[in-house]
Amino acid sequence: MDKDNSTINSYNHSVSLLEKKTLVITGVKKIDTFDKLHFILDTTMGIMVIKGEELELIKLDTLSGNVTIKGNINSIEYVVDNKKSNDEGFISRLFKY
């Protein structure tokens, strides 16, 4: 199983949006959750959230980490782990001279 993850991790991550209706993503490790309104993907560059309407999974290639989604795509965003950065900020402020 680790071999599969390392194979996907070695791939580049790219996002291609065609006419706001077809989204092709490479470098996907896994799909966390999805429905007709949103997809949450774990990619090699972090967690990605796709929002839209009538979204559907068209293609899933788990071996190469490629995903194709169709529907009315409204937004694509990467989730930043604020909890980790806030903890580091607090610790650095605590020990600041």
PDB file of N, CA and C in Angstrom:
ATOM      1  N   MET A   1       0.815  -1.194   0.000  1.00  0.00           N
ATOM      2  CA  MET A   1       0.000   0.000   0.000  1.00  0.00           C
ATOM      3  C   MET A   1       0.862   1.262   0.000  1.00  0.00           C
ATOM      4  N   ASP A   2       1.981   1.254   0.725  1.00  0.00           N
ATOM      5  CA  ASP A   2       2.871   2.402   0.730  1.00  0.00           C
ATOM      6  C   ASP A   2       3.464   2.643  -0.650  1.00  0.00           C
ATOM      7  N   LYS A   3       3.642   1.559  -1.396  1.00  0.00           N
ATOM      8  CA  LYS A   3       4.191   1.685  -2.736  1.00  0.00           C
ATOM      9  C   LYS A   3       3.254   2.504  -3.620  1.00  0.00           C
ATOM     10  N   ASP A   4       1.941   2.282  -3.514  1.00  0.00           N
ATOM     11  CA  ASP A   4       0.972   3.039  -4.302  1.00  0.00           C
ATOM     12  C   ASP A   4       0.999   4.512  -3.937  1.00  0.00           C
ATOM     13  N   ASN A   5       1.059   4.826  -2.638  1.00  0.00           N
ATOM     14  CA  ASN A   5       1.090   6.218  -2.209  1.00  0.00           C
ATOM     15  C   ASN A   5       2.349   6.907  -2.686  1.00  0.00           C
ATOM     16  N   SER A   6       3.498   6.236  -2.642  1.00  0.00           N
ATOM     17  CA  SER A   6       4.722   6.862  -3.098  1.00  0.00           C
ATOM     18  C   SER A   6       4.689   7.092  -4.607  1.00  0.00           C
ATOM     19  N   THR A   7       4.001   6.226  -5.340  1.00  0.00           N
ATOM     20  CA  THR A   7       3.862   6.415  -6.778  1.00  0.00           C
ATOM     21  C   THR A   7       3.060   7.679  -7.064  1.00  0.00           C
ATOM     22  N   ILE A   8       1.953   7.866  -6.376  1.00  0.00           N
ATOM     23  CA  ILE A   8       1.126   9.053  -6.573  1.00  0.00           C
ATOM     24  C   ILE A   8       1.871  10.296  -6.107  1.00  0.00           C
ATOM     25  N   ASN A   9       2.596  10.211  -4.983  1.00  0.00           N
ATOM     26  CA  ASN A   9       3.318  11.362  -4.459  1.00  0.00           C
ATOM     27  C   ASN A   9       4.374  11.862  -5.427  1.00  0.00           C
ATOM     28  N   SER A  10       4.910  10.990  -6.263  1.00  0.00           N
ATOM     29  CA  SER A  10       5.945  11.400  -7.194  1.00  0.00           C
ATOM     30  C   SER A  10       5.369  12.157  -8.393  1.00  0.00           C
ATOM     31  N   TYR A  11       4.054  12.116  -8.606  1.00  0.00           N
ATOM     32  CA  TYR A  11       3.445  12.803  -9.736  1.00  0.00           C
ATOM     33  C   TYR A  11       3.237  14.276  -9.433  1.00  0.00           C
ATOM     34  N   ASN A  12       3.313  15.073 -10.481  1.00  0.00           N
ATOM     35  CA  ASN A  12       3.027  16.494 -10.356  1.00  0.00           C
ATOM     36  C   ASN A  12       1.536  16.702 -10.162  1.00  0.00           C
ATOM     37  N   HIS A  13       1.209  17.810  -9.553  1.00  0.00           N
ATOM     38  CA  HIS A  13      -0.185  18.162  -9.330  1.00  0.00           C
ATOM     39  C   HIS A  13      -0.570  19.238 -10.336  1.00  0.00           C
ATOM     40  N   SER A  14      -1.664  19.020 -11.036  1.00  0.00           N
ATOM     41  CA  SER A  14      -2.156  20.042 -11.958  1.00  0.00           C
ATOM     42  C   SER A  14      -3.675  20.067 -11.931  1.00  0.00           C
ATOM     43  N   VAL A  15      -4.210  21.235 -12.278  1.00  0.00           N
ATOM     44  CA  VAL A  15      -5.659  21.436 -12.324  1.00  0.00           C
ATOM     45  C   VAL A  15      -5.977  22.087 -13.662  1.00  0.00           C
ATOM     46  N   SER A  16      -6.907  21.490 -14.390  1.00  0.00           N
ATOM     47  CA  SER A  16      -7.316  22.030 -15.680  1.00  0.00           C
ATOM     48  C   SER A  16      -8.835  22.155 -15.703  1.00  0.00           C
ATOM     49  N   LEU A  17      -9.312  23.378 -15.905  1.00  0.00           N
ATOM     50  CA  LEU A  17     -10.748  23.647 -15.948  1.00  0.00           C
ATOM     51  C   LEU A  17     -11.133  24.022 -17.375  1.00  0.00           C
ATOM     52  N   LEU A  18     -12.032  23.247 -17.964  1.00  0.00           N
ATOM     53  CA  LEU A  18     -12.469  23.465 -19.339  1.00  0.00           C
ATOM     54  C   LEU A  18     -13.893  24.002 -19.344  1.00  0.00           C
ATOM     55  N   GLU A  19     -14.052  25.235 -19.810  1.00  0.00           N
ATOM     56  CA  GLU A  19     -15.364  25.876 -19.958  1.00  0.00           C
ATOM     57  C   GLU A  19     -16.202  25.848 -18.688  1.00  0.00           C
ATOM     58  N   LYS A  20     -15.552  25.866 -17.539  1.00  0.00           N
ATOM     59  CA  LYS A  20     -16.211  25.887 -16.223  1.00  0.00           C
ATOM     60  C   LYS A  20     -17.134  24.679 -16.004  1.00  0.00           C
ATOM     61  N   LYS A  21     -16.959  23.637 -16.806  1.00  0.00           N
ATOM     62  CA  LYS A  21     -17.829  22.470 -16.708  1.00  0.00           C
ATOM     63  C   LYS A  21     -17.089  21.157 -16.496  1.00  0.00           C
ATOM     64  N   THR A  22     -15.830  21.086 -16.917  1.00  0.00           N
ATOM     65  CA  THR A  22     -15.056  19.857 -16.772  1.00  0.00           C
ATOM     66  C   THR A  22     -13.749  20.183 -16.076  1.00  0.00           C
ATOM     67  N   LEU A  23     -13.484  19.483 -14.979  1.00  0.00           N
ATOM     68  CA  LEU A  23     -12.289  19.702 -14.180  1.00  0.00           C
ATOM     69  C   LEU A  23     -11.454  18.434 -14.183  1.00  0.00           C
ATOM     70  N   VAL A  24     -10.201  18.554 -14.620  1.00  0.00           N
ATOM     71  CA  VAL A  24      -9.281  17.422 -14.644  1.00  0.00           C
ATOM     72  C   VAL A  24      -8.162  17.731 -13.658  1.00  0.00           C
ATOM     73  N   ILE A  25      -7.951  16.830 -12.700  1.00  0.00           N
ATOM     74  CA  ILE A  25      -6.961  17.042 -11.636  1.00  0.00           C
ATOM     75  C   ILE A  25      -6.008  15.861 -11.618  1.00  0.00           C
ATOM     76  N   THR A  26      -4.715  16.142 -11.542  1.00  0.00           N
ATOM     77  CA  THR A  26      -3.714  15.091 -11.375  1.00  0.00           C
ATOM     78  C   THR A  26      -3.061  15.251 -10.008  1.00  0.00           C
ATOM     79  N   GLY A  27      -2.425  14.207  -9.536  1.00  0.00           N
ATOM     80  CA  GLY A  27      -1.766  14.244  -8.234  1.00  0.00           C
ATOM     81  C   GLY A  27      -2.731  14.066  -7.074  1.00  0.00           C
ATOM     82  N   VAL A  28      -3.839  13.357  -7.296  1.00  0.00           N
ATOM     83  CA  VAL A  28      -4.834  13.124  -6.248  1.00  0.00           C
ATOM     84  C   VAL A  28      -4.478  11.845  -5.498  1.00  0.00           C
ATOM     85  N   LYS A  29      -4.317  11.967  -4.183  1.00  0.00           N
ATOM     86  CA  LYS A  29      -4.028  10.790  -3.350  1.00  0.00           C
ATOM     87  C   LYS A  29      -5.301  10.022  -3.039  1.00  0.00           C
ATOM     88  N   LYS A  30      -6.353  10.767  -2.655  1.00  0.00           N
ATOM     89  CA  LYS A  30      -7.631  10.112  -2.365  1.00  0.00           C
ATOM     90  C   LYS A  30      -8.750  11.142  -2.373  1.00  0.00           C
ATOM     91  N   ILE A  31      -9.955  10.661  -2.553  1.00  0.00           N
ATOM     92  CA  ILE A  31     -11.151  11.495  -2.449  1.00  0.00           C
ATOM     93  C   ILE A  31     -11.707  11.274  -1.055  1.00  0.00           C
ATOM     94  N   ASP A  32     -11.728  12.340  -0.255  1.00  0.00           N
ATOM     95  CA  ASP A  32     -12.238  12.212   1.111  1.00  0.00           C
ATOM     96  C   ASP A  32     -13.755  12.088   1.127  1.00  0.00           C
ATOM     97  N   THR A  33     -14.429  12.982   0.423  1.00  0.00           N
ATOM     98  CA  THR A  33     -15.888  12.942   0.368  1.00  0.00           C
ATOM     99  C   THR A  33     -16.363  13.704  -0.862  1.00  0.00           C
ATOM    100  N   PHE A  34     -17.555  13.370  -1.341  1.00  0.00           N
ATOM    101  CA  PHE A  34     -18.121  14.114  -2.460  1.00  0.00           C
ATOM    102  C   PHE A  34     -19.623  13.917  -2.527  1.00  0.00           C
ATOM    103  N   ASP A  35     -20.275  14.912  -3.093  1.00  0.00           N
ATOM    104  CA  ASP A  35     -21.694  14.838  -3.429  1.00  0.00           C
ATOM    105  C   ASP A  35     -21.936  15.790  -4.599  1.00  0.00           C
ATOM    106  N   LYS A  36     -23.185  16.106  -4.881  1.00  0.00           N
ATOM    107  CA  LYS A  36     -23.496  16.947  -6.040  1.00  0.00           C
ATOM    108  C   LYS A  36     -23.103  18.407  -5.849  1.00  0.00           C
ATOM    109  N   LEU A  37     -22.770  18.807  -4.610  1.00  0.00           N
ATOM    110  CA  LEU A  37     -22.433  20.200  -4.336  1.00  0.00           C
ATOM    111  C   LEU A  37     -20.958  20.453  -4.049  1.00  0.00           C
ATOM    112  N   HIS A  38     -20.219  19.429  -3.615  1.00  0.00           N
ATOM    113  CA  HIS A  38     -18.797  19.644  -3.312  1.00  0.00           C
ATOM    114  C   HIS A  38     -18.003  18.344  -3.333  1.00  0.00           C
ATOM    115  N   PHE A  39     -16.708  18.499  -3.581  1.00  0.00           N
ATOM    116  CA  PHE A  39     -15.740  17.409  -3.519  1.00  0.00           C
ATOM    117  C   PHE A  39     -14.632  17.850  -2.575  1.00  0.00           C
ATOM    118  N   ILE A  40     -14.137  16.950  -1.757  1.00  0.00           N
ATOM    119  CA  ILE A  40     -12.963  17.210  -0.928  1.00  0.00           C
ATOM    120  C   ILE A  40     -11.929  16.158  -1.294  1.00  0.00           C
ATOM    121  N   LEU A  41     -10.791  16.642  -1.849  1.00  0.00           N
ATOM    122  CA  LEU A  41      -9.746  15.756  -2.346  1.00  0.00           C
ATOM    123  C   LEU A  41      -8.460  15.975  -1.568  1.00  0.00           C
ATOM    124  N   ASP A  42      -7.741  14.902  -1.315  1.00  0.00           N
ATOM    125  CA  ASP A  42      -6.404  14.985  -0.734  1.00  0.00           C
ATOM    126  C   ASP A  42      -5.424  14.868  -1.896  1.00  0.00           C
ATOM    127  N   THR A  43      -4.713  15.966  -2.206  1.00  0.00           N
ATOM    128  CA  THR A  43      -3.785  15.985  -3.330  1.00  0.00           C
ATOM    129  C   THR A  43      -2.352  16.048  -2.821  1.00  0.00           C
ATOM    130  N   THR A  44      -1.419  15.931  -3.729  1.00  0.00           N
ATOM    131  CA  THR A  44      -0.005  16.024  -3.353  1.00  0.00           C
ATOM    132  C   THR A  44       0.358  17.420  -2.881  1.00  0.00           C
ATOM    133  N   MET A  45      -0.476  18.415  -3.154  1.00  0.00           N
ATOM    134  CA  MET A  45      -0.230  19.787  -2.719  1.00  0.00           C
ATOM    135  C   MET A  45      -1.136  20.207  -1.566  1.00  0.00           C
ATOM    136  N   GLY A  46      -1.880  19.280  -0.988  1.00  0.00           N
ATOM    137  CA  GLY A  46      -2.753  19.585   0.147  1.00  0.00           C
ATOM    138  C   GLY A  46      -4.208  19.273  -0.149  1.00  0.00           C
ATOM    139  N   ILE A  47      -5.054  19.634   0.806  1.00  0.00           N
ATOM    140  CA  ILE A  47      -6.493  19.382   0.691  1.00  0.00           C
ATOM    141  C   ILE A  47      -7.108  20.405  -0.264  1.00  0.00           C
ATOM    142  N   MET A  48      -7.887  19.904  -1.209  1.00  0.00           N
ATOM    143  CA  MET A  48      -8.550  20.755  -2.196  1.00  0.00           C
ATOM    144  C   MET A  48     -10.059  20.595  -2.048  1.00  0.00           C
ATOM    145  N   VAL A  49     -10.773  21.725  -2.068  1.00  0.00           N
ATOM    146  CA  VAL A  49     -12.230  21.721  -1.983  1.00  0.00           C
ATOM    147  C   VAL A  49     -12.784  22.312  -3.281  1.00  0.00           C
ATOM    148  N   ILE A  50     -13.673  21.574  -3.915  1.00  0.00           N
ATOM    149  CA  ILE A  50     -14.323  22.012  -5.146  1.00  0.00           C
ATOM    150  C   ILE A  50     -15.804  22.159  -4.835  1.00  0.00           C
ATOM    151  N   LYS A  51     -16.360  23.337  -5.148  1.00  0.00           N
ATOM    152  CA  LYS A  51     -17.779  23.587  -4.918  1.00  0.00           C
ATOM    153  C   LYS A  51     -18.460  23.884  -6.242  1.00  0.00           C
ATOM    154  N   GLY A  52     -19.716  23.477  -6.337  1.00  0.00           N
ATOM    155  CA  GLY A  52     -20.468  23.722  -7.554  1.00  0.00           C
ATOM    156  C   GLY A  52     -21.864  23.137  -7.454  1.00  0.00           C
ATOM    157  N   GLU A  53     -22.448  22.877  -8.602  1.00  0.00           N
ATOM    158  CA  GLU A  53     -23.791  22.319  -8.683  1.00  0.00           C
ATOM    159  C   GLU A  53     -23.790  21.150  -9.666  1.00  0.00           C
ATOM    160  N   GLU A  54     -24.567  20.128  -9.345  1.00  0.00           N
ATOM    161  CA  GLU A  54     -24.679  18.944 -10.209  1.00  0.00           C
ATOM    162  C   GLU A  54     -23.313  18.334 -10.519  1.00  0.00           C
ATOM    163  N   LEU A  55     -22.427  18.298  -9.526  1.00  0.00           N
ATOM    164  CA  LEU A  55     -21.098  17.726  -9.712  1.00  0.00           C
ATOM    165  C   LEU A  55     -21.182  16.205  -9.742  1.00  0.00           C
ATOM    166  N   GLU A  56     -20.405  15.602 -10.622  1.00  0.00           N
ATOM    167  CA  GLU A  56     -20.347  14.147 -10.673  1.00  0.00           C
ATOM    168  C   GLU A  56     -18.940  13.690 -11.037  1.00  0.00           C
ATOM    169  N   LEU A  57     -18.577  12.573 -10.470  1.00  0.00           N
ATOM    170  CA  LEU A  57     -17.273  11.966 -10.734  1.00  0.00           C
ATOM    171  C   LEU A  57     -17.359  11.211 -12.049  1.00  0.00           C
ATOM    172  N   ILE A  58     -16.573  11.652 -13.032  1.00  0.00           N
ATOM    173  CA  ILE A  58     -16.588  11.026 -14.354  1.00  0.00           C
ATOM    174  C   ILE A  58     -15.494   9.973 -14.466  1.00  0.00           C
ATOM    175  N   LYS A  59     -14.290  10.313 -13.985  1.00  0.00           N
ATOM    176  CA  LYS A  59     -13.170   9.386 -14.114  1.00  0.00           C
ATOM    177  C   LYS A  59     -12.352   9.393 -12.830  1.00  0.00           C
ATOM    178  N   LEU A  60     -11.975   8.218 -12.381  1.00  0.00           N
ATOM    179  CA  LEU A  60     -11.111   8.061 -11.219  1.00  0.00           C
ATOM    180  C   LEU A  60     -10.068   7.009 -11.562  1.00  0.00           C
ATOM    181  N   ASP A  61      -8.824   7.446 -11.654  1.00  0.00           N
ATOM    182  CA  ASP A  61      -7.706   6.539 -11.908  1.00  0.00           C
ATOM    183  C   ASP A  61      -6.840   6.533 -10.657  1.00  0.00           C
ATOM    184  N   THR A  62      -7.055   5.565  -9.790  1.00  0.00           N
ATOM    185  CA  THR A  62      -6.348   5.527  -8.509  1.00  0.00           C
ATOM    186  C   THR A  62      -4.872   5.196  -8.666  1.00  0.00           C
ATOM    187  N   LEU A  63      -4.523   4.506  -9.699  1.00  0.00           N
ATOM    188  CA  LEU A  63      -3.125   4.141  -9.908  1.00  0.00           C
ATOM    189  C   LEU A  63      -2.264   5.359 -10.246  1.00  0.00           C
ATOM    190  N   SER A  64      -2.768   6.222 -11.130  1.00  0.00           N
ATOM    191  CA  SER A  64      -1.998   7.409 -11.512  1.00  0.00           C
ATOM    192  C   SER A  64      -2.424   8.667 -10.768  1.00  0.00           C
ATOM    193  N   GLY A  65      -3.528   8.627 -10.017  1.00  0.00           N
ATOM    194  CA  GLY A  65      -3.965   9.785  -9.241  1.00  0.00           C
ATOM    195  C   GLY A  65      -4.679  10.840 -10.063  1.00  0.00           C
ATOM    196  N   ASN A  66      -5.395  10.427 -11.099  1.00  0.00           N
ATOM    197  CA  ASN A  66      -6.130  11.361 -11.957  1.00  0.00           C
ATOM    198  C   ASN A  66      -7.623  11.300 -11.662  1.00  0.00           C
ATOM    199  N   VAL A  67      -8.257  12.479 -11.629  1.00  0.00           N
ATOM    200  CA  VAL A  67      -9.690  12.580 -11.362  1.00  0.00           C
ATOM    201  C   VAL A  67     -10.297  13.558 -12.361  1.00  0.00           C
ATOM    202  N   THR A  68     -11.477  13.212 -12.899  1.00  0.00           N
ATOM    203  CA  THR A  68     -12.226  14.121 -13.764  1.00  0.00           C
ATOM    204  C   THR A  68     -13.607  14.327 -13.151  1.00  0.00           C
ATOM    205  N   ILE A  69     -13.996  15.588 -13.013  1.00  0.00           N
ATOM    206  CA  ILE A  69     -15.281  15.964 -12.417  1.00  0.00           C
ATOM    207  C   ILE A  69     -16.019  16.824 -13.420  1.00  0.00           C
ATOM    208  N   LYS A  70     -17.314  16.559 -13.594  1.00  0.00           N
ATOM    209  CA  LYS A  70     -18.156  17.373 -14.474  1.00  0.00           C
ATOM    210  C   LYS A  70     -19.260  18.016 -13.655  1.00  0.00           C
ATOM    211  N   GLY A  71     -19.718  19.165 -14.113  1.00  0.00           N
ATOM    212  CA  GLY A  71     -20.801  19.896 -13.468  1.00  0.00           C
ATOM    213  C   GLY A  71     -20.550  21.385 -13.578  1.00  0.00           C
ATOM    214  N   ASN A  72     -21.336  22.174 -12.879  1.00  0.00           N
ATOM    215  CA  ASN A  72     -21.148  23.626 -12.840  1.00  0.00           C
ATOM    216  C   ASN A  72     -20.183  23.952 -11.714  1.00  0.00           C
ATOM    217  N   ILE A  73     -18.927  24.210 -12.042  1.00  0.00           N
ATOM    218  CA  ILE A  73     -17.884  24.437 -11.037  1.00  0.00           C
ATOM    219  C   ILE A  73     -17.894  25.907 -10.646  1.00  0.00           C
ATOM    220  N   ASN A  74     -18.088  26.166  -9.361  1.00  0.00           N
ATOM    221  CA  ASN A  74     -18.143  27.540  -8.865  1.00  0.00           C
ATOM    222  C   ASN A  74     -16.853  27.979  -8.195  1.00  0.00           C
ATOM    223  N   SER A  75     -16.176  27.062  -7.504  1.00  0.00           N
ATOM    224  CA  SER A  75     -14.934  27.453  -6.826  1.00  0.00           C
ATOM    225  C   SER A  75     -14.020  26.257  -6.618  1.00  0.00           C
ATOM    226  N   ILE A  76     -12.723  26.576  -6.586  1.00  0.00           N
ATOM    227  CA  ILE A  76     -11.678  25.600  -6.293  1.00  0.00           C
ATOM    228  C   ILE A  76     -10.770  26.265  -5.272  1.00  0.00           C
ATOM    229  N   GLU A  77     -10.550  25.617  -4.140  1.00  0.00           N
ATOM    230  CA  GLU A  77      -9.672  26.214  -3.143  1.00  0.00           C
ATOM    231  C   GLU A  77      -8.873  25.143  -2.407  1.00  0.00           C
ATOM    232  N   TYR A  78      -7.723  25.570  -1.900  1.00  0.00           N
ATOM    233  CA  TYR A  78      -6.891  24.706  -1.074  1.00  0.00           C
ATOM    234  C   TYR A  78      -7.086  25.114   0.370  1.00  0.00           C
ATOM    235  N   VAL A  79      -7.225  24.142   1.242  1.00  0.00           N
ATOM    236  CA  VAL A  79      -7.438  24.401   2.657  1.00  0.00           C
ATOM    237  C   VAL A  79      -6.082  24.505   3.340  1.00  0.00           C
ATOM    238  N   VAL A  80      -5.894  25.603   4.072  1.00  0.00           N
ATOM    239  CA  VAL A  80      -4.665  25.821   4.823  1.00  0.00           C
ATOM    240  C   VAL A  80      -4.908  25.361   6.249  1.00  0.00           C
ATOM    241  N   ASP A  81      -3.940  24.647   6.802  1.00  0.00           N
ATOM    242  CA  ASP A  81      -4.059  24.155   8.171  1.00  0.00           C
ATOM    243  C   ASP A  81      -3.699  25.283   9.135  1.00  0.00           C
ATOM    244  N   ASN A  82      -4.690  26.134   9.471  1.00  0.00           N
ATOM    245  CA  ASN A  82      -4.458  27.286  10.359  1.00  0.00           C
ATOM    246  C   ASN A  82      -4.112  26.867  11.781  1.00  0.00           C
ATOM    247  N   LYS A  83      -4.605  25.724  12.206  1.00  0.00           N
ATOM    248  CA  LYS A  83      -4.341  25.265  13.569  1.00  0.00           C
ATOM    249  C   LYS A  83      -2.839  25.085  13.788  1.00  0.00           C
ATOM    250  N   LYS A  84      -2.156  24.479  12.826  1.00  0.00           N
ATOM    251  CA  LYS A  84      -0.724  24.258  12.943  1.00  0.00           C
ATOM    252  C   LYS A  84       0.031  25.584  12.943  1.00  0.00           C
ATOM    253  N   SER A  85      -0.297  26.494  12.019  1.00  0.00           N
ATOM    254  CA  SER A  85       0.417  27.762  11.942  1.00  0.00           C
ATOM    255  C   SER A  85       0.153  28.627  13.169  1.00  0.00           C
ATOM    256  N   ASN A  86      -1.055  28.573  13.741  1.00  0.00           N
ATOM    257  CA  ASN A  86      -1.349  29.335  14.953  1.00  0.00           C
ATOM    258  C   ASN A  86      -0.558  28.808  16.142  1.00  0.00           C
ATOM    259  N   ASP A  87      -0.397  27.486  16.251  1.00  0.00           N
ATOM    260  CA  ASP A  87       0.371  26.901  17.343  1.00  0.00           C
ATOM    261  C   ASP A  87       1.822  27.332  17.258  1.00  0.00           C
ATOM    262  N   GLU A  88       2.398  27.317  16.078  1.00  0.00           N
ATOM    263  CA  GLU A  88       3.792  27.725  15.904  1.00  0.00           C
ATOM    264  C   GLU A  88       3.959  29.200  16.238  1.00  0.00           C
ATOM    265  N   GLY A  89       2.984  30.021  15.849  1.00  0.00           N
ATOM    266  CA  GLY A  89       3.048  31.439  16.158  1.00  0.00           C
ATOM    267  C   GLY A  89       3.001  31.693  17.650  1.00  0.00           C
ATOM    268  N   PHE A  90       2.158  30.980  18.342  1.00  0.00           N
ATOM    269  CA  PHE A  90       2.029  31.131  19.790  1.00  0.00           C
ATOM    270  C   PHE A  90       3.319  30.727  20.496  1.00  0.00           C
ATOM    271  N   ILE A  91       3.885  29.607  20.122  1.00  0.00           N
ATOM    272  CA  ILE A  91       5.132  29.118  20.741  1.00  0.00           C
ATOM    273  C   ILE A  91       6.271  30.081  20.476  1.00  0.00           C
ATOM    274  N   SER A  92       6.377  30.575  19.242  1.00  0.00           N
ATOM    275  CA  SER A  92       7.457  31.507  18.938  1.00  0.00           C
ATOM    276  C   SER A  92       7.294  32.807  19.725  1.00  0.00           C
ATOM    277  N   ARG A  93       6.055  33.246  19.927  1.00  0.00           N
ATOM    278  CA  ARG A  93       5.821  34.459  20.727  1.00  0.00           C
ATOM    279  C   ARG A  93       6.113  34.196  22.196  1.00  0.00           C
ATOM    280  N   LEU A  94       5.829  33.002  22.663  1.00  0.00           N
ATOM    281  CA  LEU A  94       6.044  32.658  24.069  1.00  0.00           C
ATOM    282  C   LEU A  94       7.529  32.691  24.420  1.00  0.00           C
ATOM    283  N   PHE A  95       8.389  32.209  23.528  1.00  0.00           N
ATOM    284  CA  PHE A  95       9.812  32.150  23.814  1.00  0.00           C
ATOM    285  C   PHE A  95      10.600  33.307  23.212  1.00  0.00           C
ATOM    286  N   LYS A  96       9.902  34.331  22.748  1.00  0.00           N
ATOM    287  CA  LYS A  96      10.581  35.496  22.174  1.00  0.00           C
ATOM    288  C   LYS A  96      11.228  36.319  23.290  1.00  0.00           C
ATOM    289  N   TYR A  97      12.436  36.810  23.062  1.00  0.00           N
ATOM    290  CA  TYR A  97      13.153  37.574  24.089  1.00  0.00           C
ATOM    291  C   TYR A  97      12.775  39.017  24.041  1.00  0.00           C
TER     292      TYR A  97
END
